[in-house]
Amino acid sequence: MPKVSVVIPAYNRRDYVQEAINSVLAQTYTEYEIVVVDDGSTDGAGEALAARYGHRLRFVWQENQGESVAWNSALEASDR
């Protein structure tokens, strides 16, 4: 089980999400998981993240329900 869960809710922020993920991956600490919840984006984030990061993160797509629901979905998807 990872000691840190990095949860990233997003809506049409593909480039910013990639910056956040790159920042996590650049750390020397490695006991983490990355969970991205896409709250109904239309910018192709899911495909871009799968192609670039593959198994290094957990990606969840949901219909647009707002930031609070996205945060809760990310927490539910984490291993914590």
C-alpha atoms as a PDB file:
ATOM      1  CA  MET A   1       0.000   0.000   0.000  1.00  0.00           C
ATOM      2  CA  PRO A   2       1.393   3.437  -0.899  1.00  0.00           C
ATOM      3  CA  LYS A   3       2.049   5.866   1.913  1.00  0.00           C
ATOM      4  CA  VAL A   4       0.901   8.885  -0.132  1.00  0.00           C
ATOM      5  CA  SER A   5      -2.049   9.183  -2.485  1.00  0.00           C
ATOM      6  CA  VAL A   6      -1.810  12.043  -4.951  1.00  0.00           C
ATOM      7  CA  VAL A   7      -5.345  12.763  -6.097  1.00  0.00           C
ATOM      8  CA  ILE A   8      -5.938  15.060  -9.058  1.00  0.00           C
ATOM      9  CA  PRO A   9      -9.480  16.009 -10.062  1.00  0.00           C
ATOM     10  CA  ALA A  10      -9.623  17.663 -13.476  1.00  0.00           C
ATOM     11  CA  TYR A  11     -12.005  19.114 -16.015  1.00  0.00           C
ATOM     12  CA  ASN A  12     -10.596  20.087 -19.427  1.00  0.00           C
ATOM     13  CA  ARG A  13      -7.110  20.647 -17.994  1.00  0.00           C
ATOM     14  CA  ARG A  14      -5.091  18.000 -19.870  1.00  0.00           C
ATOM     15  CA  ASP A  15      -1.862  20.047 -20.020  1.00  0.00           C
ATOM     16  CA  TYR A  16      -1.986  21.111 -16.373  1.00  0.00           C
ATOM     17  CA  VAL A  17      -2.679  17.559 -15.229  1.00  0.00           C
ATOM     18  CA  GLN A  18       0.394  16.381 -17.127  1.00  0.00           C
ATOM     19  CA  GLU A  19       2.482  19.071 -15.409  1.00  0.00           C
ATOM     20  CA  ALA A  20       1.217  17.907 -12.016  1.00  0.00           C
ATOM     21  CA  ILE A  21       1.936  14.253 -12.830  1.00  0.00           C
ATOM     22  CA  ASN A  22       5.416  15.100 -14.108  1.00  0.00           C
ATOM     23  CA  SER A  23       6.097  16.929 -10.859  1.00  0.00           C
ATOM     24  CA  VAL A  24       5.132  13.857  -8.822  1.00  0.00           C
ATOM     25  CA  LEU A  25       7.198  11.530 -11.004  1.00  0.00           C
ATOM     26  CA  ALA A  26      10.240  13.808 -10.639  1.00  0.00           C
ATOM     27  CA  GLN A  27      10.324  13.358  -6.854  1.00  0.00           C
ATOM     28  CA  THR A  28      12.849  11.067  -5.197  1.00  0.00           C
ATOM     29  CA  TYR A  29      10.172   9.706  -2.848  1.00  0.00           C
ATOM     30  CA  THR A  30       8.520   6.718  -4.521  1.00  0.00           C
ATOM     31  CA  GLU A  31       5.914   5.349  -2.093  1.00  0.00           C
ATOM     32  CA  TYR A  32       2.954   7.026  -3.757  1.00  0.00           C
ATOM     33  CA  GLU A  33       0.068   6.418  -6.095  1.00  0.00           C
ATOM     34  CA  ILE A  34      -1.389   8.905  -8.561  1.00  0.00           C
ATOM     35  CA  VAL A  35      -5.157   8.979  -9.065  1.00  0.00           C
ATOM     36  CA  VAL A  36      -6.633  11.274 -11.715  1.00  0.00           C
ATOM     37  CA  VAL A  37     -10.396  11.756 -11.891  1.00  0.00           C
ATOM     38  CA  ASP A  38     -11.572  13.335 -15.115  1.00  0.00           C
ATOM     39  CA  ASP A  39     -14.878  15.046 -14.410  1.00  0.00           C
ATOM     40  CA  GLY A  40     -16.341  14.731 -17.910  1.00  0.00           C
ATOM     41  CA  SER A  41     -13.627  16.494 -19.901  1.00  0.00           C
ATOM     42  CA  THR A  42     -13.814  16.821 -23.662  1.00  0.00           C
ATOM     43  CA  ASP A  43     -10.139  17.634 -24.247  1.00  0.00           C
ATOM     44  CA  GLY A  44      -8.883  14.059 -24.753  1.00  0.00           C
ATOM     45  CA  ALA A  45      -7.156  13.871 -21.382  1.00  0.00           C
ATOM     46  CA  GLY A  46      -7.827  10.166 -20.896  1.00  0.00           C
ATOM     47  CA  GLU A  47      -6.200   9.152 -24.148  1.00  0.00           C
ATOM     48  CA  ALA A  48      -3.247  11.509 -23.655  1.00  0.00           C
ATOM     49  CA  LEU A  49      -2.595  10.318 -20.102  1.00  0.00           C
ATOM     50  CA  ALA A  50      -2.907   6.634 -21.028  1.00  0.00           C
ATOM     51  CA  ALA A  51      -0.457   7.073 -23.894  1.00  0.00           C
ATOM     52  CA  ARG A  52       2.071   9.026 -21.846  1.00  0.00           C
ATOM     53  CA  TYR A  53       1.881   7.404 -18.404  1.00  0.00           C
ATOM     54  CA  GLY A  54       0.206   4.025 -18.831  1.00  0.00           C
ATOM     55  CA  HIS A  55       0.212   1.996 -15.624  1.00  0.00           C
ATOM     56  CA  ARG A  56       1.978   4.668 -13.544  1.00  0.00           C
ATOM     57  CA  LEU A  57      -1.367   6.212 -12.601  1.00  0.00           C
ATOM     58  CA  ARG A  58      -4.980   5.279 -12.020  1.00  0.00           C
ATOM     59  CA  PHE A  59      -7.376   7.156 -14.303  1.00  0.00           C
ATOM     60  CA  VAL A  60     -11.109   7.436 -13.617  1.00  0.00           C
ATOM     61  CA  TRP A  61     -13.550   9.132 -15.985  1.00  0.00           C
ATOM     62  CA  GLN A  62     -16.979  10.224 -14.816  1.00  0.00           C
ATOM     63  CA  GLU A  63     -19.820  12.342 -16.130  1.00  0.00           C
ATOM     64  CA  ASN A  64     -19.386  15.976 -15.134  1.00  0.00           C
ATOM     65  CA  GLN A  65     -20.619  16.275 -11.555  1.00  0.00           C
ATOM     66  CA  GLY A  66     -18.504  19.055 -10.113  1.00  0.00           C
ATOM     67  CA  GLU A  67     -15.274  19.408  -8.203  1.00  0.00           C
ATOM     68  CA  SER A  68     -16.476  18.001  -4.881  1.00  0.00           C
ATOM     69  CA  VAL A  69     -17.767  14.807  -6.446  1.00  0.00           C
ATOM     70  CA  ALA A  70     -14.516  14.461  -8.428  1.00  0.00           C
ATOM     71  CA  TRP A  71     -12.486  14.773  -5.219  1.00  0.00           C
ATOM     72  CA  ASN A  72     -14.627  12.141  -3.515  1.00  0.00           C
ATOM     73  CA  SER A  73     -14.329   9.827  -6.515  1.00  0.00           C
ATOM     74  CA  ALA A  74     -10.544  10.189  -6.441  1.00  0.00           C
ATOM     75  CA  LEU A  75     -10.435   9.358  -2.746  1.00  0.00           C
ATOM     76  CA  GLU A  76     -12.651   6.319  -3.280  1.00  0.00           C
ATOM     77  CA  ALA A  77     -10.398   5.113  -6.119  1.00  0.00           C
ATOM     78  CA  SER A  78      -7.235   5.439  -4.040  1.00  0.00           C
ATOM     79  CA  ASP A  79      -5.692   2.580  -2.079  1.00  0.00           C
ATOM     80  CA  ARG A  80      -5.868   4.540   1.183  1.00  0.00           C
END
